[in-house]
Amino acid sequence: MSALGLFLLVSTSSAGLASTSSTSVEVTPRPLSERVRADAAPASSTPTLAFDRRPEDAGAAWGVYTRVASQIPRGDSNIGTVSSVGALVGFEVGAEYAPWSPVDGLSFELGASAGLQTRRILQTADAKLGVMALQASAVYRRPIWSFFGAYARATGAVNWGHFSVAESQGDYEIDDVAVAFSAAGALGAELLVPVGYTAIESLERADQWISFHLEVGYAVYTPFDFDEMRRDLPNDSEPQRIATSTVDAGSLRLDGVLWRMGAAFRF
C-alpha cells in the first residue's frame, strides 16, 4: 500500500470516529436525578390555592354584618310588668374594619340594634318594651385551624328604651322613654368561608369571605327609669279639665347573659 493510500485510510477512520463520538453525545440519556425532577414538575400552569387556608395574610379588610341577639332582663317594677318581661330578642346591623387581617388580630365595629318584647297583663292590657341602641365594639380574633377561629369582644352602647302599657280593648295608653348605658364582653367562634379570589403570579389569594359566628357573654346596664309614664293627650281634647298624672313603673336593668349569632361579609 502506498503512503498516499495509507494516509487516506487513516483520515477516513478518524472522521468516522469523530462522527460516531458526536452522535453519541447527542443521544446520551439525561441523568436519573434530572428525569425525576422533570417527572415531578406540574404538568399544567393552573394557579394553585396556596393562600386559601391563610386568610390571616390577606391584610386590611372591611365588612358588614347582621346578627340576632337575645338577653334576659331583670328589674324592679312598681306595677310588676317590667320585671316579668321575658327574653328580649333583637337584631343588629353594622360595619366593621380590620386594619391588619380579617381573621387575626384587632378589628373594630360600629352598628345599631333594635329589639321588641310584648306581654299581656291580666288579660286586660298589653305591655311593650322596645330598646334601640348605638354600639361600638373592639374584637380580637385568632385563627385556630384552617377556616375556623375564635374571638373575644368588648362592646359599649347607648340605649334608648320605650315602655308602654295599653288597654287591650280601647285607646288608653301610657308610656315613657328612658336612656341607659351598657357594656358587654363575649367569647365566640366563627367559620370563615372564602368566596372571592385575586390572582397573584401563579397563586390565587382569597380576598372576600363570609363569616358565620356564635358568641356568649354578659352585659351590664345602667337602669332604665320608667318613672314618668303618662298618657299623651291632643291639645284639642275634651274636656280640658281632666288632669293627667304620671305613673312610676319602676326601673329596668337588662343585666344578664346574652348570646349573639349572625353572619358577616368581609372584603
Protein backbone atom coordinates (compact mmCIF):
# COMPACT_ATOMS: atom_id res chain seq x y z
CA MET A 1 0.00 0.00 0.00
CA SER A 2 1.38 3.32 -0.95
CA ALA A 3 1.90 6.15 1.51
CA LEU A 4 -0.94 8.10 -0.09
CA GLY A 5 -3.37 5.22 0.37
CA LEU A 6 -2.38 4.74 3.99
CA PHE A 7 -2.94 8.47 4.67
CA LEU A 8 -6.41 8.35 3.13
CA LEU A 9 -7.36 5.26 5.20
CA VAL A 10 -6.29 6.87 8.49
CA SER A 11 -8.12 10.11 7.69
CA THR A 12 -11.32 8.27 6.85
CA SER A 13 -11.17 6.23 10.07
CA SER A 14 -10.59 9.36 12.19
CA ALA A 15 -13.52 11.17 10.60
CA GLY A 16 -15.74 8.18 11.24
CA LEU A 17 -14.76 8.04 14.88
CA ALA A 18 -15.37 11.78 15.30
CA SER A 19 -18.80 11.43 13.71
CA THR A 20 -19.62 8.48 15.94
CA SER A 21 -18.47 10.38 19.05
CA SER A 22 -20.54 13.44 18.13
CA THR A 23 -23.61 11.30 17.58
CA SER A 24 -23.21 9.51 20.91
CA VAL A 25 -23.14 12.85 22.80
CA GLU A 26 -26.47 13.91 21.28
CA VAL A 27 -28.33 10.75 22.26
CA THR A 28 -26.81 10.31 25.73
CA PRO A 29 -29.79 9.96 28.18
CA ARG A 30 -30.25 12.54 30.94
CA PRO A 31 -29.09 11.63 34.44
CA LEU A 32 -31.67 9.88 36.62
CA SER A 33 -31.91 12.83 39.02
CA GLU A 34 -32.87 15.18 36.18
CA ARG A 35 -35.52 12.77 34.93
CA VAL A 36 -37.03 12.51 38.43
CA ARG A 37 -37.19 16.29 38.78
CA ALA A 38 -38.78 16.65 35.36
CA ASP A 39 -41.40 13.99 36.12
CA ALA A 40 -42.26 15.68 39.42
CA ALA A 41 -42.86 19.10 37.82
CA PRO A 42 -46.55 20.12 37.39
CA ALA A 43 -47.99 19.30 34.03
CA SER A 44 -50.06 22.48 33.79
CA SER A 45 -49.77 26.12 34.81
CA THR A 46 -53.14 26.24 36.60
CA PRO A 47 -52.84 28.59 39.66
CA THR A 48 -52.73 26.81 42.99
CA LEU A 49 -54.78 27.85 46.02
CA ALA A 50 -51.84 28.03 48.39
CA PHE A 51 -53.24 31.10 50.19
CA ASP A 52 -56.78 29.75 50.57
CA ARG A 53 -56.01 28.42 54.02
CA ARG A 54 -54.17 31.53 55.19
CA PRO A 55 -56.71 34.37 55.20
CA GLU A 56 -54.68 35.92 58.02
CA ASP A 57 -52.21 37.01 55.30
CA ALA A 58 -54.82 39.00 53.41
CA GLY A 59 -54.20 42.36 55.05
CA ALA A 60 -56.79 45.02 55.90
CA ALA A 61 -60.47 44.28 55.29
CA TRP A 62 -63.85 45.98 55.54
CA GLY A 63 -67.08 44.21 56.28
CA VAL A 64 -70.79 44.41 57.04
CA TYR A 65 -72.66 42.20 59.50
CA THR A 66 -76.12 41.23 60.67
CA ARG A 67 -76.90 39.38 63.88
CA VAL A 68 -79.67 38.10 66.11
CA ALA A 69 -79.15 38.79 69.81
CA SER A 70 -81.02 37.90 72.98
CA GLN A 71 -80.72 38.72 76.67
CA ILE A 72 -82.89 38.24 79.75
CA PRO A 73 -83.93 41.47 81.52
CA ARG A 74 -84.35 41.68 85.27
CA GLY A 75 -85.89 44.67 87.00
CA ASP A 76 -87.69 46.15 89.99
CA SER A 77 -91.09 47.47 88.89
CA ASN A 78 -93.85 49.02 90.95
CA ILE A 79 -96.51 47.54 88.69
CA GLY A 80 -94.81 44.19 88.23
CA THR A 81 -94.71 44.43 84.47
CA VAL A 82 -91.14 45.31 83.56
CA SER A 83 -89.63 42.75 85.89
CA SER A 84 -91.71 39.96 84.37
CA VAL A 85 -90.73 40.63 80.76
CA GLY A 86 -89.06 37.58 79.25
CA ALA A 87 -86.05 37.34 76.97
CA LEU A 88 -85.53 40.45 74.85
CA VAL A 89 -84.73 39.43 71.27
CA GLY A 90 -83.19 41.98 68.94
CA PHE A 91 -81.45 42.42 65.61
CA GLU A 92 -78.09 44.10 64.94
CA VAL A 93 -76.56 45.55 61.77
CA GLY A 94 -73.35 47.44 61.25
CA ALA A 95 -69.94 47.75 59.63
CA GLU A 96 -66.51 46.54 60.66
CA TYR A 97 -62.91 47.32 59.83
CA ALA A 98 -59.91 45.05 60.36
CA PRO A 99 -56.70 47.07 59.82
CA TRP A 100 -54.36 44.05 59.69
CA SER A 101 -56.26 40.84 58.90
CA PRO A 102 -59.89 39.68 58.60
CA VAL A 103 -59.28 36.75 60.98
CA ASP A 104 -56.17 37.55 63.01
CA GLY A 105 -55.74 40.49 65.35
CA LEU A 106 -57.80 43.50 66.29
CA SER A 107 -60.84 44.83 64.44
CA PHE A 108 -63.50 47.46 65.16
CA GLU A 109 -67.27 47.54 64.69
CA LEU A 110 -69.90 50.28 64.69
CA GLY A 111 -73.58 49.44 64.44
CA ALA A 112 -77.14 49.71 65.66
CA SER A 113 -79.58 47.29 67.27
CA ALA A 114 -83.30 47.13 67.95
CA GLY A 115 -85.42 44.77 69.99
CA LEU A 116 -89.09 44.48 70.99
CA GLN A 117 -90.95 42.44 73.59
CA THR A 118 -94.72 42.28 74.13
CA ARG A 119 -96.52 40.85 77.16
CA ARG A 120 -100.18 40.56 78.20
CA ILE A 121 -101.09 41.93 81.67
CA LEU A 122 -104.04 40.36 83.48
CA GLN A 123 -105.72 39.73 80.12
CA THR A 124 -106.79 43.39 80.01
CA ALA A 125 -103.71 45.31 78.82
CA ASP A 126 -100.63 44.86 76.67
CA ALA A 127 -97.16 45.93 77.77
CA LYS A 128 -94.49 46.63 75.17
CA LEU A 129 -90.79 47.15 75.73
CA GLY A 130 -88.65 48.39 72.85
CA VAL A 131 -84.91 49.03 73.04
CA MET A 132 -82.76 50.71 70.38
CA ALA A 133 -79.01 51.16 70.69
CA LEU A 134 -75.93 52.58 69.04
CA GLN A 135 -72.98 50.36 69.82
CA ALA A 136 -69.23 50.18 69.22
CA SER A 137 -67.09 47.09 69.65
CA ALA A 138 -63.46 46.04 69.66
CA VAL A 139 -62.88 42.44 68.58
CA TYR A 140 -59.70 40.38 68.88
CA ARG A 141 -59.59 37.31 66.64
CA ARG A 142 -57.21 34.34 66.45
CA PRO A 143 -57.25 31.59 63.79
CA ILE A 144 -57.29 28.07 65.25
CA TRP A 145 -57.44 25.66 62.34
CA SER A 146 -57.97 26.16 58.64
CA PHE A 147 -61.06 28.40 58.31
CA PHE A 148 -62.07 28.10 61.97
CA GLY A 149 -61.22 30.77 64.57
CA ALA A 150 -62.10 32.20 67.98
CA TYR A 151 -62.52 35.77 69.20
CA ALA A 152 -63.19 38.00 72.19
CA ARG A 153 -65.47 41.05 72.01
CA ALA A 154 -65.83 44.17 74.18
CA THR A 155 -68.87 46.38 73.47
CA GLY A 156 -70.12 49.72 74.71
CA ALA A 157 -73.54 51.15 73.82
CA VAL A 158 -76.04 53.94 74.35
CA ASN A 159 -79.57 52.52 74.68
CA TRP A 160 -83.00 54.12 74.33
CA GLY A 161 -85.86 52.23 75.94
CA HIS A 162 -89.56 52.78 75.29
CA PHE A 163 -92.07 51.16 77.65
CA SER A 164 -95.85 51.36 77.12
CA VAL A 165 -98.99 49.87 78.62
CA ALA A 166 -102.20 49.97 76.58
CA GLU A 167 -105.73 48.65 77.02
CA SER A 168 -106.43 45.52 75.02
CA GLN A 169 -109.83 46.94 74.07
CA GLY A 170 -109.64 50.71 73.75
CA ASP A 171 -107.22 53.54 73.08
CA TYR A 172 -105.97 54.27 76.59
CA GLU A 173 -102.17 54.08 76.70
CA ILE A 174 -99.39 55.34 78.93
CA ASP A 175 -95.71 55.28 78.03
CA ASP A 176 -92.28 56.60 78.88
CA VAL A 177 -88.81 56.78 77.33
CA ALA A 178 -85.55 56.27 79.22
CA VAL A 179 -81.85 56.19 78.37
CA ALA A 180 -79.26 53.73 79.70
CA PHE A 181 -75.61 52.93 79.04
CA SER A 182 -74.22 49.44 78.78
CA ALA A 183 -71.01 47.45 78.48
CA ALA A 184 -70.65 43.82 77.49
CA GLY A 185 -68.00 41.18 76.99
CA ALA A 186 -68.31 37.97 74.99
CA LEU A 187 -66.34 35.00 73.66
CA GLY A 188 -67.21 33.42 70.35
CA ALA A 189 -66.23 31.18 67.47
CA GLU A 190 -66.54 31.74 63.74
CA LEU A 191 -66.32 29.83 60.48
CA LEU A 192 -64.76 31.81 57.63
CA VAL A 193 -65.59 30.74 54.07
CA PRO A 194 -63.67 32.33 51.15
CA VAL A 195 -65.93 33.33 48.26
CA GLY A 196 -63.67 35.56 46.13
CA TYR A 197 -60.06 35.37 44.93
CA THR A 198 -57.40 37.55 43.36
CA ALA A 199 -54.65 36.06 41.15
CA ILE A 200 -51.11 36.83 42.34
CA GLU A 201 -48.49 35.50 39.92
CA SER A 202 -49.03 31.71 39.94
CA LEU A 203 -51.20 31.71 43.07
CA GLU A 204 -54.74 32.73 43.96
CA ARG A 205 -55.36 34.67 47.14
CA ALA A 206 -58.71 34.89 48.91
CA ASP A 207 -59.93 38.47 49.32
CA GLN A 208 -63.66 38.04 50.05
CA TRP A 209 -65.15 35.96 52.85
CA ILE A 210 -68.44 35.09 54.52
CA SER A 211 -68.22 34.63 58.28
CA PHE A 212 -70.70 32.66 60.39
CA HIS A 213 -70.29 33.29 64.11
CA LEU A 214 -71.78 32.50 67.51
CA GLU A 215 -70.91 34.08 70.86
CA VAL A 216 -71.95 34.08 74.50
CA GLY A 217 -71.24 36.80 77.05
CA TYR A 218 -72.53 39.03 79.81
CA ALA A 219 -73.88 42.60 79.71
CA VAL A 220 -74.12 45.25 82.42
CA TYR A 221 -76.57 48.17 82.13
CA THR A 222 -77.38 51.30 84.00
CA PRO A 223 -81.12 51.21 84.86
CA PHE A 224 -83.90 52.40 82.59
CA ASP A 225 -86.06 54.55 84.89
CA PHE A 226 -89.65 54.48 83.67
CA ASP A 227 -90.86 56.78 86.45
CA GLU A 228 -92.95 59.25 84.44
CA MET A 229 -95.32 57.16 82.40
CA ARG A 230 -98.17 59.32 81.20
CA ARG A 231 -100.94 59.45 78.66
CA ASP A 232 -100.37 61.76 75.73
CA LEU A 233 -103.50 63.84 75.03
CA PRO A 234 -104.00 66.02 71.97
CA ASN A 235 -104.22 69.73 72.62
CA ASP A 236 -107.80 69.90 71.37
CA SER A 237 -109.02 67.03 73.54
CA GLU A 238 -112.22 67.49 75.52
CA PRO A 239 -112.85 68.02 78.29
CA GLN A 240 -109.73 70.04 79.06
CA ARG A 241 -110.43 69.91 82.79
CA ILE A 242 -109.40 66.25 83.05
CA ALA A 243 -105.94 66.26 84.59
CA THR A 244 -103.33 63.64 83.81
CA SER A 245 -100.78 62.29 86.28
CA THR A 246 -97.64 60.24 85.86
CA VAL A 247 -97.17 56.63 86.92
CA ASP A 248 -93.92 55.30 88.33
CA ALA A 249 -93.42 51.90 86.70
CA GLY A 250 -90.06 51.35 88.32
CA SER A 251 -86.65 50.65 86.84
CA LEU A 252 -85.41 48.05 84.46
CA ARG A 253 -81.93 46.58 84.25
CA LEU A 254 -81.01 44.41 81.32
CA ASP A 255 -78.00 42.92 83.10
CA GLY A 256 -77.51 39.27 82.35
CA VAL A 257 -76.27 36.60 79.99
CA LEU A 258 -76.51 37.40 76.30
CA TRP A 259 -75.88 35.48 73.11
CA ARG A 260 -75.47 36.52 69.51
CA MET A 261 -75.39 34.64 66.24
CA GLY A 262 -75.06 36.00 62.74
CA ALA A 263 -73.10 36.38 59.54
CA ALA A 264 -70.69 38.92 58.05
CA PHE A 265 -69.31 39.66 54.60
CA ARG A 266 -65.70 40.89 54.55
CA PHE A 267 -63.78 42.25 51.57
